[in-house]
C-alpha atoms as a PDB file:
ATOM      1  CA  MET A   1      52.600  33.725  68.861  1.00  0.00           C
ATOM      2  CA  THR A   2      55.539  31.787  70.319  1.00  0.00           C
ATOM      3  CA  SER A   3      58.081  29.937  68.217  1.00  0.00           C
ATOM      4  CA  ARG A   4      56.844  26.612  69.610  1.00  0.00           C
ATOM      5  CA  THR A   5      53.233  27.388  68.696  1.00  0.00           C
ATOM      6  CA  THR A   6      54.338  28.321  65.193  1.00  0.00           C
ATOM      7  CA  ASP A   7      56.255  25.031  64.894  1.00  0.00           C
ATOM      8  CA  ILE A   8      53.213  23.037  66.032  1.00  0.00           C
ATOM      9  CA  LEU A   9      50.792  24.799  63.689  1.00  0.00           C
ATOM     10  CA  LEU A  10      53.145  24.496  60.721  1.00  0.00           C
ATOM     11  CA  THR A  11      53.860  20.812  61.402  1.00  0.00           C
ATOM     12  CA  ALA A  12      50.134  20.121  61.781  1.00  0.00           C
ATOM     13  CA  THR A  13      49.575  21.114  58.151  1.00  0.00           C
ATOM     14  CA  ALA A  14      51.384  17.944  57.037  1.00  0.00           C
ATOM     15  CA  PRO A  15      48.993  15.328  58.506  1.00  0.00           C
ATOM     16  CA  ALA A  16      46.057  17.589  57.603  1.00  0.00           C
ATOM     17  CA  VAL A  17      47.129  17.363  53.953  1.00  0.00           C
ATOM     18  CA  TRP A  18      47.762  13.600  54.255  1.00  0.00           C
ATOM     19  CA  GLY A  19      44.074  13.271  55.036  1.00  0.00           C
ATOM     20  CA  SER A  20      43.416  14.015  51.357  1.00  0.00           C
ATOM     21  CA  THR A  21      45.227  10.826  50.317  1.00  0.00           C
ATOM     22  CA  TYR A  22      42.132   8.614  50.556  1.00  0.00           C
ATOM     23  CA  ILE A  23      39.894  10.789  48.398  1.00  0.00           C
ATOM     24  CA  VAL A  24      42.664  11.399  45.830  1.00  0.00           C
ATOM     25  CA  THR A  25      43.456   7.687  45.634  1.00  0.00           C
ATOM     26  CA  THR A  26      39.860   6.551  45.286  1.00  0.00           C
ATOM     27  CA  GLU A  27      38.703   9.329  42.952  1.00  0.00           C
ATOM     28  CA  LEU A  28      41.731  10.086  40.773  1.00  0.00           C
ATOM     29  CA  LEU A  29      44.036   7.045  40.644  1.00  0.00           C
ATOM     30  CA  PRO A  30      43.818   3.580  39.016  1.00  0.00           C
ATOM     31  CA  ALA A  31      42.414   1.004  41.448  1.00  0.00           C
ATOM     32  CA  ASN A  32      44.314  -1.921  42.967  1.00  0.00           C
ATOM     33  CA  TYR A  33      47.905  -0.740  42.495  1.00  0.00           C
ATOM     34  CA  PRO A  34      48.940  -0.071  46.111  1.00  0.00           C
ATOM     35  CA  LEU A  35      52.667  -0.733  45.738  1.00  0.00           C
ATOM     36  CA  THR A  36      52.955   1.106  42.434  1.00  0.00           C
ATOM     37  CA  VAL A  37      51.067   4.097  43.817  1.00  0.00           C
ATOM     38  CA  ALA A  38      53.370   4.160  46.856  1.00  0.00           C
ATOM     39  CA  LEU A  39      56.401   3.915  44.548  1.00  0.00           C
ATOM     40  CA  LEU A  40      55.232   6.749  42.285  1.00  0.00           C
ATOM     41  CA  ARG A  41      54.458   8.875  45.297  1.00  0.00           C
ATOM     42  CA  ALA A  42      57.929   8.476  46.786  1.00  0.00           C
ATOM     43  CA  LEU A  43      60.604   8.008  44.123  1.00  0.00           C
ATOM     44  CA  PRO A  44      59.853  10.869  41.666  1.00  0.00           C
ATOM     45  CA  ALA A  45      59.421  13.302  44.569  1.00  0.00           C
ATOM     46  CA  GLY A  46      62.671  12.131  46.143  1.00  0.00           C
ATOM     47  CA  LEU A  47      64.616  12.419  42.888  1.00  0.00           C
ATOM     48  CA  LEU A  48      63.195  15.888  42.262  1.00  0.00           C
ATOM     49  CA  LEU A  49      64.301  17.055  45.693  1.00  0.00           C
ATOM     50  CA  LEU A  50      67.733  15.472  45.140  1.00  0.00           C
ATOM     51  CA  LEU A  51      68.094  17.528  41.967  1.00  0.00           C
ATOM     52  CA  ILE A  52      67.367  20.624  44.039  1.00  0.00           C
ATOM     53  CA  VAL A  53      69.725  19.892  46.952  1.00  0.00           C
ATOM     54  CA  ARG A  54      72.455  18.147  44.894  1.00  0.00           C
ATOM     55  CA  LYS A  55      73.833  16.447  47.973  1.00  0.00           C
ATOM     56  CA  LEU A  56      74.159  12.760  48.860  1.00  0.00           C
ATOM     57  CA  PRO A  57      74.578  11.300  52.361  1.00  0.00           C
ATOM     58  CA  GLU A  58      78.038  10.607  53.689  1.00  0.00           C
ATOM     59  CA  ARG A  59      78.953   6.929  53.692  1.00  0.00           C
ATOM     60  CA  ALA A  60      78.241   6.525  57.412  1.00  0.00           C
ATOM     61  CA  TRP A  61      74.657   7.697  56.900  1.00  0.00           C
ATOM     62  CA  TRP A  62      73.564   5.402  54.049  1.00  0.00           C
ATOM     63  CA  GLY A  63      72.382   2.573  56.315  1.00  0.00           C
ATOM     64  CA  ARG A  64      70.392   4.899  58.555  1.00  0.00           C
ATOM     65  CA  ILE A  65      68.801   6.700  55.609  1.00  0.00           C
ATOM     66  CA  PHE A  66      67.580   3.434  54.095  1.00  0.00           C
ATOM     67  CA  VAL A  67      66.210   2.302  57.474  1.00  0.00           C
ATOM     68  CA  LEU A  68      64.344   5.601  57.821  1.00  0.00           C
ATOM     69  CA  GLY A  69      63.192   5.477  54.201  1.00  0.00           C
ATOM     70  CA  ALA A  70      61.777   2.012  54.810  1.00  0.00           C
ATOM     71  CA  LEU A  71      60.028   2.976  58.051  1.00  0.00           C
ATOM     72  CA  ASN A  72      58.658   6.362  56.970  1.00  0.00           C
ATOM     73  CA  PHE A  73      57.751   5.458  53.391  1.00  0.00           C
ATOM     74  CA  SER A  74      58.252   1.913  52.037  1.00  0.00           C
ATOM     75  CA  ILE A  75      56.770  -0.156  54.870  1.00  0.00           C
ATOM     76  CA  LEU A  76      54.382   2.537  56.077  1.00  0.00           C
ATOM     77  CA  TRP A  77      52.734   3.257  52.734  1.00  0.00           C
ATOM     78  CA  ALA A  78      52.676  -0.380  51.579  1.00  0.00           C
ATOM     79  CA  MET A  79      51.001  -1.468  54.813  1.00  0.00           C
ATOM     80  CA  LEU A  80      48.567   1.466  54.784  1.00  0.00           C
ATOM     81  CA  PHE A  81      47.407   0.628  51.267  1.00  0.00           C
ATOM     82  CA  LEU A  82      47.157  -3.084  52.099  1.00  0.00           C
ATOM     83  CA  ALA A  83      45.099  -2.295  55.193  1.00  0.00           C
ATOM     84  CA  ALA A  84      42.877   0.030  53.172  1.00  0.00           C
ATOM     85  CA  TYR A  85      42.164  -2.724  50.637  1.00  0.00           C
ATOM     86  CA  ARG A  86      41.547  -5.427  53.270  1.00  0.00           C
ATOM     87  CA  LEU A  87      39.647  -3.429  55.906  1.00  0.00           C
ATOM     88  CA  PRO A  88      36.918  -0.797  56.008  1.00  0.00           C
ATOM     89  CA  GLY A  89      38.550   2.613  56.267  1.00  0.00           C
ATOM     90  CA  GLY A  90      37.248   3.133  59.785  1.00  0.00           C
ATOM     91  CA  VAL A  91      38.859  -0.033  61.124  1.00  0.00           C
ATOM     92  CA  ALA A  92      42.180   0.733  59.438  1.00  0.00           C
ATOM     93  CA  ALA A  93      42.211   4.337  60.702  1.00  0.00           C
ATOM     94  CA  THR A  94      41.348   3.299  64.248  1.00  0.00           C
ATOM     95  CA  ILE A  95      44.086   0.670  64.423  1.00  0.00           C
ATOM     96  CA  THR A  96      46.769   2.927  62.957  1.00  0.00           C
ATOM     97  CA  SER A  97      45.779   5.692  65.385  1.00  0.00           C
ATOM     98  CA  VAL A  98      47.622   3.799  68.155  1.00  0.00           C
ATOM     99  CA  GLN A  99      50.805   5.262  66.657  1.00  0.00           C
ATOM    100  CA  PRO A 100      51.009   8.295  69.024  1.00  0.00           C
ATOM    101  CA  LEU A 101      50.683   5.978  72.025  1.00  0.00           C
ATOM    102  CA  LEU A 102      53.545   3.832  70.724  1.00  0.00           C
ATOM    103  CA  VAL A 103      55.681   6.932  70.220  1.00  0.00           C
ATOM    104  CA  VAL A 104      55.361   7.901  73.890  1.00  0.00           C
ATOM    105  CA  PHE A 105      57.006   4.635  74.960  1.00  0.00           C
ATOM    106  CA  LEU A 106      59.494   4.369  72.077  1.00  0.00           C
ATOM    107  CA  ALA A 107      60.725   7.904  72.803  1.00  0.00           C
ATOM    108  CA  SER A 108      61.408   6.789  76.360  1.00  0.00           C
ATOM    109  CA  VAL A 109      63.502   3.861  75.128  1.00  0.00           C
ATOM    110  CA  PHE A 110      65.436   5.562  72.317  1.00  0.00           C
ATOM    111  CA  LEU A 111      65.557   9.199  73.445  1.00  0.00           C
ATOM    112  CA  GLY A 112      65.263   9.006  77.210  1.00  0.00           C
ATOM    113  CA  SER A 113      62.062  11.057  77.190  1.00  0.00           C
ATOM    114  CA  PRO A 114      59.885  10.740  80.307  1.00  0.00           C
ATOM    115  CA  VAL A 115      56.606   8.854  79.949  1.00  0.00           C
ATOM    116  CA  ARG A 116      54.073  11.462  81.066  1.00  0.00           C
ATOM    117  CA  ALA A 117      50.679  10.234  82.208  1.00  0.00           C
ATOM    118  CA  LEU A 118      49.043  13.178  80.454  1.00  0.00           C
ATOM    119  CA  SER A 119      50.692  12.220  77.150  1.00  0.00           C
ATOM    120  CA  VAL A 120      49.414   8.653  77.499  1.00  0.00           C
ATOM    121  CA  ALA A 121      45.925   9.929  78.356  1.00  0.00           C
ATOM    122  CA  ALA A 122      45.961  12.280  75.356  1.00  0.00           C
ATOM    123  CA  ALA A 123      46.896   9.429  73.011  1.00  0.00           C
ATOM    124  CA  VAL A 124      44.148   7.185  74.404  1.00  0.00           C
ATOM    125  CA  VAL A 125      41.571   9.989  74.094  1.00  0.00           C
ATOM    126  CA  GLY A 126      42.690  10.587  70.517  1.00  0.00           C
ATOM    127  CA  ILE A 127      42.222   6.912  69.629  1.00  0.00           C
ATOM    128  CA  GLY A 128      38.694   7.115  71.035  1.00  0.00           C
ATOM    129  CA  GLY A 129      38.013  10.244  68.987  1.00  0.00           C
ATOM    130  CA  VAL A 130      39.193   8.584  65.782  1.00  0.00           C
ATOM    131  CA  ALA A 131      37.024   5.554  66.530  1.00  0.00           C
ATOM    132  CA  LEU A 132      33.956   7.778  66.902  1.00  0.00           C
ATOM    133  CA  LEU A 133      34.918   9.621  63.751  1.00  0.00           C
ATOM    134  CA  VAL A 134      35.360   6.708  61.373  1.00  0.00           C
ATOM    135  CA  LEU A 135      34.328   3.387  62.927  1.00  0.00           C
ATOM    136  CA  THR A 136      30.966   1.865  62.019  1.00  0.00           C
ATOM    137  CA  PRO A 137      29.099  -0.834  63.998  1.00  0.00           C
ATOM    138  CA  ASN A 138      29.042  -3.292  61.082  1.00  0.00           C
ATOM    139  CA  ALA A 139      32.743  -2.978  60.246  1.00  0.00           C
ATOM    140  CA  ALA A 140      34.163  -6.302  59.055  1.00  0.00           C
ATOM    141  CA  LEU A 141      37.501  -7.606  60.306  1.00  0.00           C
ATOM    142  CA  ASP A 142      40.259  -9.298  58.337  1.00  0.00           C
ATOM    143  CA  ALA A 143      43.356 -10.821  59.941  1.00  0.00           C
ATOM    144  CA  ILE A 144      45.767  -9.748  57.202  1.00  0.00           C
ATOM    145  CA  GLY A 145      44.290  -6.247  57.125  1.00  0.00           C
ATOM    146  CA  ILE A 146      44.567  -5.907  60.898  1.00  0.00           C
ATOM    147  CA  ALA A 147      48.180  -7.099  60.811  1.00  0.00           C
ATOM    148  CA  ALA A 148      48.953  -4.580  58.051  1.00  0.00           C
ATOM    149  CA  ALA A 149      47.353  -1.713  60.005  1.00  0.00           C
ATOM    150  CA  ILE A 150      49.341  -2.632  63.123  1.00  0.00           C
ATOM    151  CA  ALA A 151      52.535  -2.842  61.046  1.00  0.00           C
ATOM    152  CA  ALA A 152      51.823   0.620  59.604  1.00  0.00           C
ATOM    153  CA  ALA A 153      51.367   2.098  63.083  1.00  0.00           C
ATOM    154  CA  VAL A 154      54.560   0.464  64.372  1.00  0.00           C
ATOM    155  CA  SER A 155      56.513   1.564  61.289  1.00  0.00           C
ATOM    156  CA  MET A 156      55.394   5.186  61.595  1.00  0.00           C
ATOM    157  CA  ALA A 157      56.092   5.229  65.335  1.00  0.00           C
ATOM    158  CA  PHE A 158      59.635   3.902  64.897  1.00  0.00           C
ATOM    159  CA  GLY A 159      60.165   6.225  61.929  1.00  0.00           C
ATOM    160  CA  THR A 160      59.126   9.283  63.938  1.00  0.00           C
ATOM    161  CA  VAL A 161      61.342   8.470  66.914  1.00  0.00           C
ATOM    162  CA  LEU A 162      64.388   7.377  64.913  1.00  0.00           C
ATOM    163  CA  SER A 163      64.080  10.404  62.637  1.00  0.00           C
ATOM    164  CA  ARG A 164      64.535  12.453  65.801  1.00  0.00           C
ATOM    165  CA  ARG A 165      67.407  10.314  67.090  1.00  0.00           C
ATOM    166  CA  TRP A 166      69.244  10.191  63.767  1.00  0.00           C
ATOM    167  CA  GLN A 167      69.444  13.853  62.766  1.00  0.00           C
ATOM    168  CA  PRO A 168      72.132  14.454  60.132  1.00  0.00           C
ATOM    169  CA  PRO A 169      73.646  17.958  59.991  1.00  0.00           C
ATOM    170  CA  VAL A 170      71.587  18.921  56.928  1.00  0.00           C
ATOM    171  CA  SER A 171      68.363  20.812  56.224  1.00  0.00           C
ATOM    172  CA  ALA A 172      64.908  19.254  56.430  1.00  0.00           C
ATOM    173  CA  LEU A 173      64.748  19.538  52.633  1.00  0.00           C
ATOM    174  CA  THR A 174      67.871  17.413  52.190  1.00  0.00           C
ATOM    175  CA  PHE A 175      66.794  14.926  54.877  1.00  0.00           C
ATOM    176  CA  THR A 176      63.445  14.502  53.113  1.00  0.00           C
ATOM    177  CA  ALA A 177      65.098  14.074  49.702  1.00  0.00           C
ATOM    178  CA  TRP A 178      67.299  11.274  51.011  1.00  0.00           C
ATOM    179  CA  GLN A 179      64.499   9.405  52.748  1.00  0.00           C
ATOM    180  CA  LEU A 180      61.973   9.673  49.908  1.00  0.00           C
ATOM    181  CA  THR A 181      64.544   8.451  47.401  1.00  0.00           C
ATOM    182  CA  ALA A 182      65.624   5.561  49.620  1.00  0.00           C
ATOM    183  CA  GLY A 183      62.012   4.586  50.305  1.00  0.00           C
ATOM    184  CA  GLY A 184      61.187   4.721  46.594  1.00  0.00           C
ATOM    185  CA  LEU A 185      64.207   2.617  45.637  1.00  0.00           C
ATOM    186  CA  LEU A 186      63.181  -0.042  48.168  1.00  0.00           C
ATOM    187  CA  LEU A 187      59.652  -0.104  46.716  1.00  0.00           C
ATOM    188  CA  LEU A 188      60.811  -0.304  43.092  1.00  0.00           C
ATOM    189  CA  PRO A 189      61.694  -4.041  42.828  1.00  0.00           C
ATOM    190  CA  VAL A 190      58.729  -5.056  44.993  1.00  0.00           C
ATOM    191  CA  ALA A 191      56.228  -3.140  42.862  1.00  0.00           C
ATOM    192  CA  LEU A 192      57.732  -4.437  39.610  1.00  0.00           C
ATOM    193  CA  LEU A 193      57.631  -8.037  40.817  1.00  0.00           C
ATOM    194  CA  LEU A 194      54.242  -8.124  42.518  1.00  0.00           C
ATOM    195  CA  GLU A 195      52.037  -5.812  40.448  1.00  0.00           C
ATOM    196  CA  PRO A 196      51.196  -5.589  36.719  1.00  0.00           C
ATOM    197  CA  PRO A 197      52.074  -2.470  34.725  1.00  0.00           C
ATOM    198  CA  LEU A 198      49.792   0.534  35.103  1.00  0.00           C
ATOM    199  CA  PRO A 199      47.239   1.166  32.355  1.00  0.00           C
ATOM    200  CA  ALA A 200      47.569   4.277  30.206  1.00  0.00           C
ATOM    201  CA  LEU A 201      47.246   7.224  32.575  1.00  0.00           C
ATOM    202  CA  THR A 202      44.459   9.761  32.202  1.00  0.00           C
ATOM    203  CA  VAL A 203      44.629  13.467  32.989  1.00  0.00           C
ATOM    204  CA  GLN A 204      42.896  12.713  36.305  1.00  0.00           C
ATOM    205  CA  ASN A 205      45.540  10.079  37.112  1.00  0.00           C
ATOM    206  CA  TRP A 206      48.344  12.547  36.439  1.00  0.00           C
ATOM    207  CA  ILE A 207      46.700  15.146  38.660  1.00  0.00           C
ATOM    208  CA  GLY A 208      46.326  12.576  41.439  1.00  0.00           C
ATOM    209  CA  PHE A 209      49.940  11.420  41.225  1.00  0.00           C
ATOM    210  CA  GLY A 210      51.113  15.029  41.056  1.00  0.00           C
ATOM    211  CA  TRP A 211      49.214  15.944  44.221  1.00  0.00           C
ATOM    212  CA  LEU A 212      50.363  12.877  46.171  1.00  0.00           C
ATOM    213  CA  GLY A 213      53.984  13.239  45.084  1.00  0.00           C
ATOM    214  CA  LEU A 214      54.623  16.983  45.055  1.00  0.00           C
ATOM    215  CA  VAL A 215      52.313  18.081  47.877  1.00  0.00           C
ATOM    216  CA  GLY A 216      51.438  14.917  49.819  1.00  0.00           C
ATOM    217  CA  ALA A 217      55.038  13.701  49.907  1.00  0.00           C
ATOM    218  CA  ALA A 218      57.723  16.263  49.014  1.00  0.00           C
ATOM    219  CA  LEU A 219      56.266  19.427  50.533  1.00  0.00           C
ATOM    220  CA  THR A 220      54.524  17.973  53.566  1.00  0.00           C
ATOM    221  CA  TYR A 221      57.406  15.744  54.633  1.00  0.00           C
ATOM    222  CA  ILE A 222      59.820  18.677  54.536  1.00  0.00           C
ATOM    223  CA  VAL A 223      57.458  20.358  56.990  1.00  0.00           C
ATOM    224  CA  TRP A 224      57.033  17.148  59.012  1.00  0.00           C
ATOM    225  CA  PHE A 225      60.761  16.415  59.401  1.00  0.00           C
ATOM    226  CA  ARG A 226      61.350  20.047  60.303  1.00  0.00           C
ATOM    227  CA  GLY A 227      58.853  19.539  63.120  1.00  0.00           C
ATOM    228  CA  VAL A 228      60.452  16.247  64.140  1.00  0.00           C
ATOM    229  CA  ALA A 229      63.762  18.072  64.601  1.00  0.00           C
ATOM    230  CA  ARG A 230      62.208  20.854  66.715  1.00  0.00           C
ATOM    231  CA  LEU A 231      59.426  19.232  68.755  1.00  0.00           C
ATOM    232  CA  GLU A 232      59.237  16.367  71.216  1.00  0.00           C
ATOM    233  CA  PRO A 233      58.017  13.108  69.616  1.00  0.00           C
ATOM    234  CA  SER A 234      55.169  12.913  72.163  1.00  0.00           C
ATOM    235  CA  ALA A 235      54.003  16.332  70.960  1.00  0.00           C
ATOM    236  CA  ILE A 236      54.362  15.765  67.236  1.00  0.00           C
ATOM    237  CA  ALA A 237      52.931  12.232  66.953  1.00  0.00           C
ATOM    238  CA  PRO A 238      49.343  13.136  68.026  1.00  0.00           C
ATOM    239  CA  LEU A 239      49.180  15.630  65.166  1.00  0.00           C
ATOM    240  CA  ALA A 240      48.677  12.574  62.938  1.00  0.00           C
ATOM    241  CA  PHE A 241      45.125  12.392  64.338  1.00  0.00           C
ATOM    242  CA  LEU A 242      44.344  15.277  61.976  1.00  0.00           C
ATOM    243  CA  SER A 243      44.529  12.952  58.942  1.00  0.00           C
ATOM    244  CA  PRO A 244      41.242  11.094  59.568  1.00  0.00           C
ATOM    245  CA  VAL A 245      39.611  14.413  60.524  1.00  0.00           C
ATOM    246  CA  THR A 246      40.563  15.894  57.151  1.00  0.00           C
ATOM    247  CA  ALA A 247      39.501  12.718  55.325  1.00  0.00           C
ATOM    248  CA  VAL A 248      36.022  12.799  56.874  1.00  0.00           C
ATOM    249  CA  ILE A 249      35.560  16.529  56.246  1.00  0.00           C
ATOM    250  CA  LEU A 250      36.645  16.165  52.598  1.00  0.00           C
ATOM    251  CA  GLY A 251      34.293  13.226  52.124  1.00  0.00           C
ATOM    252  CA  TRP A 252      31.443  15.335  53.482  1.00  0.00           C
ATOM    253  CA  ALA A 253      32.366  18.488  51.518  1.00  0.00           C
ATOM    254  CA  LEU A 254      33.328  16.955  48.160  1.00  0.00           C
ATOM    255  CA  LEU A 255      31.551  13.602  47.953  1.00  0.00           C
ATOM    256  CA  GLY A 256      28.333  14.407  49.790  1.00  0.00           C
ATOM    257  CA  GLN A 257      28.983  11.839  52.522  1.00  0.00           C
ATOM    258  CA  SER A 258      26.948  12.184  55.687  1.00  0.00           C
ATOM    259  CA  LEU A 259      28.420  13.684  58.836  1.00  0.00           C
ATOM    260  CA  SER A 260      26.714  12.373  61.956  1.00  0.00           C
ATOM    261  CA  ALA A 261      26.576  13.865  65.422  1.00  0.00           C
ATOM    262  CA  TRP A 262      28.926  11.124  66.621  1.00  0.00           C
ATOM    263  CA  GLN A 263      31.462  12.102  63.970  1.00  0.00           C
ATOM    264  CA  VAL A 264      31.234  15.770  64.940  1.00  0.00           C
ATOM    265  CA  ALA A 265      31.833  14.686  68.543  1.00  0.00           C
ATOM    266  CA  GLY A 266      34.800  12.614  67.352  1.00  0.00           C
ATOM    267  CA  ILE A 267      36.317  15.680  65.666  1.00  0.00           C
ATOM    268  CA  GLY A 268      35.970  17.620  68.914  1.00  0.00           C
ATOM    269  CA  ILE A 269      37.577  14.810  70.916  1.00  0.00           C
ATOM    270  CA  VAL A 270      40.484  14.537  68.478  1.00  0.00           C
ATOM    271  CA  ILE A 271      41.150  18.276  68.693  1.00  0.00           C
ATOM    272  CA  ALA A 272      40.949  18.079  72.486  1.00  0.00           C
ATOM    273  CA  SER A 273      43.414  15.183  72.558  1.00  0.00           C
ATOM    274  CA  ILE A 274      45.896  17.148  70.435  1.00  0.00           C
ATOM    275  CA  TRP A 275      45.589  20.145  72.768  1.00  0.00           C
ATOM    276  CA  LEU A 276      46.054  17.844  75.754  1.00  0.00           C
ATOM    277  CA  SER A 277      49.182  16.300  74.221  1.00  0.00           C
ATOM    278  CA  GLN A 278      50.702  19.762  73.740  1.00  0.00           C
ATOM    279  CA  HIS A 279      49.706  20.798  77.269  1.00  0.00           C
ATOM    280  CA  ALA A 280      51.548  17.718  78.580  1.00  0.00           C
ATOM    281  CA  GLN A 281      54.799  19.095  77.143  1.00  0.00           C
ATOM    282  CA  ARG A 282      54.589  22.519  78.797  1.00  0.00           C
ATOM    283  CA  GLY A 283      57.624  23.144  80.929  1.00  0.00           C
ATOM    284  CA  ALA A 284      59.458  20.208  79.404  1.00  0.00           C
ATOM    285  CA  GLN A 285      63.100  20.736  78.567  1.00  0.00           C
ATOM    286  CA  PRO A 286      63.954  20.532  74.864  1.00  0.00           C
ATOM    287  CA  LEU A 287      65.385  17.184  73.892  1.00  0.00           C
ATOM    288  CA  VAL A 288      69.143  17.120  73.506  1.00  0.00           C
ATOM    289  CA  ARG A 289      70.183  15.542  70.261  1.00  0.00           C
ATOM    290  CA  PRO A 290      72.070  12.300  70.973  1.00  0.00           C
ATOM    291  CA  ALA A 291      75.779  12.559  70.295  1.00  0.00           C
ATOM    292  CA  ALA A 292      75.632   9.631  67.859  1.00  0.00           C
ATOM    293  CA  ALA A 293      73.235  11.559  65.666  1.00  0.00           C
ATOM    294  CA  THR A 294      75.833  14.173  64.763  1.00  0.00           C
ATOM    295  CA  ARG A 295      78.488  11.738  63.628  1.00  0.00           C
END
């Protein structure tokens, strides 16, 4: 197995685990606390990792870290939860699945990566696969929910590309600690101002928060940012299609939800789109880290 294949498979575990977020949130956490849940997913995990690395960014990096923390965590998670509350899950997932397509063009602007027709085709095929997987004919639309889903996709796309462009000379563990902490700190005043205090937490609530924070945030984002540093954005972004695949499979396996032939076809199409996106990168030269990123 080549080093690149290993990097892809390891990075793919992150969005696969993120697919458990929906079932954990709906089954184990208090309802209607989107900002507080996002805060408690980010800040404790970030502080824990900071205790491990015991290293703060240099002064020149503080602005970039807070921008990345906002894009990868604060804005992304707040908008994802808002979209989930305002839209059926299928509509929200389909809209946010445009993220890999956005990354193809943003990488061209910010990193000088070529826009490959095969990468564009793979992203479009993946969007179609997600739509088959999660979209229902009677799905209702909501303007605020649609705007939130679009904002989430744009935030994640910018976060992925800029995380590649702005690579500090530290480990993925340290980079993750900084971003999670920054994202959590940005969410803190917003959650305190806009949402009531949480009720007394049950054992199930603690398990849910523990999973989302320790595994769904700290561990998986270390793996994700490691992949961002090693792989082309156009190769890594389509791996996010695995999240709705995992969500549907978990709903079928754990909640007894039906799995139709169309959904099985959607899973196959999503996997094919991910393979196609990786095939598009064969023979590509590794991206050279911009000089500004090492300052």
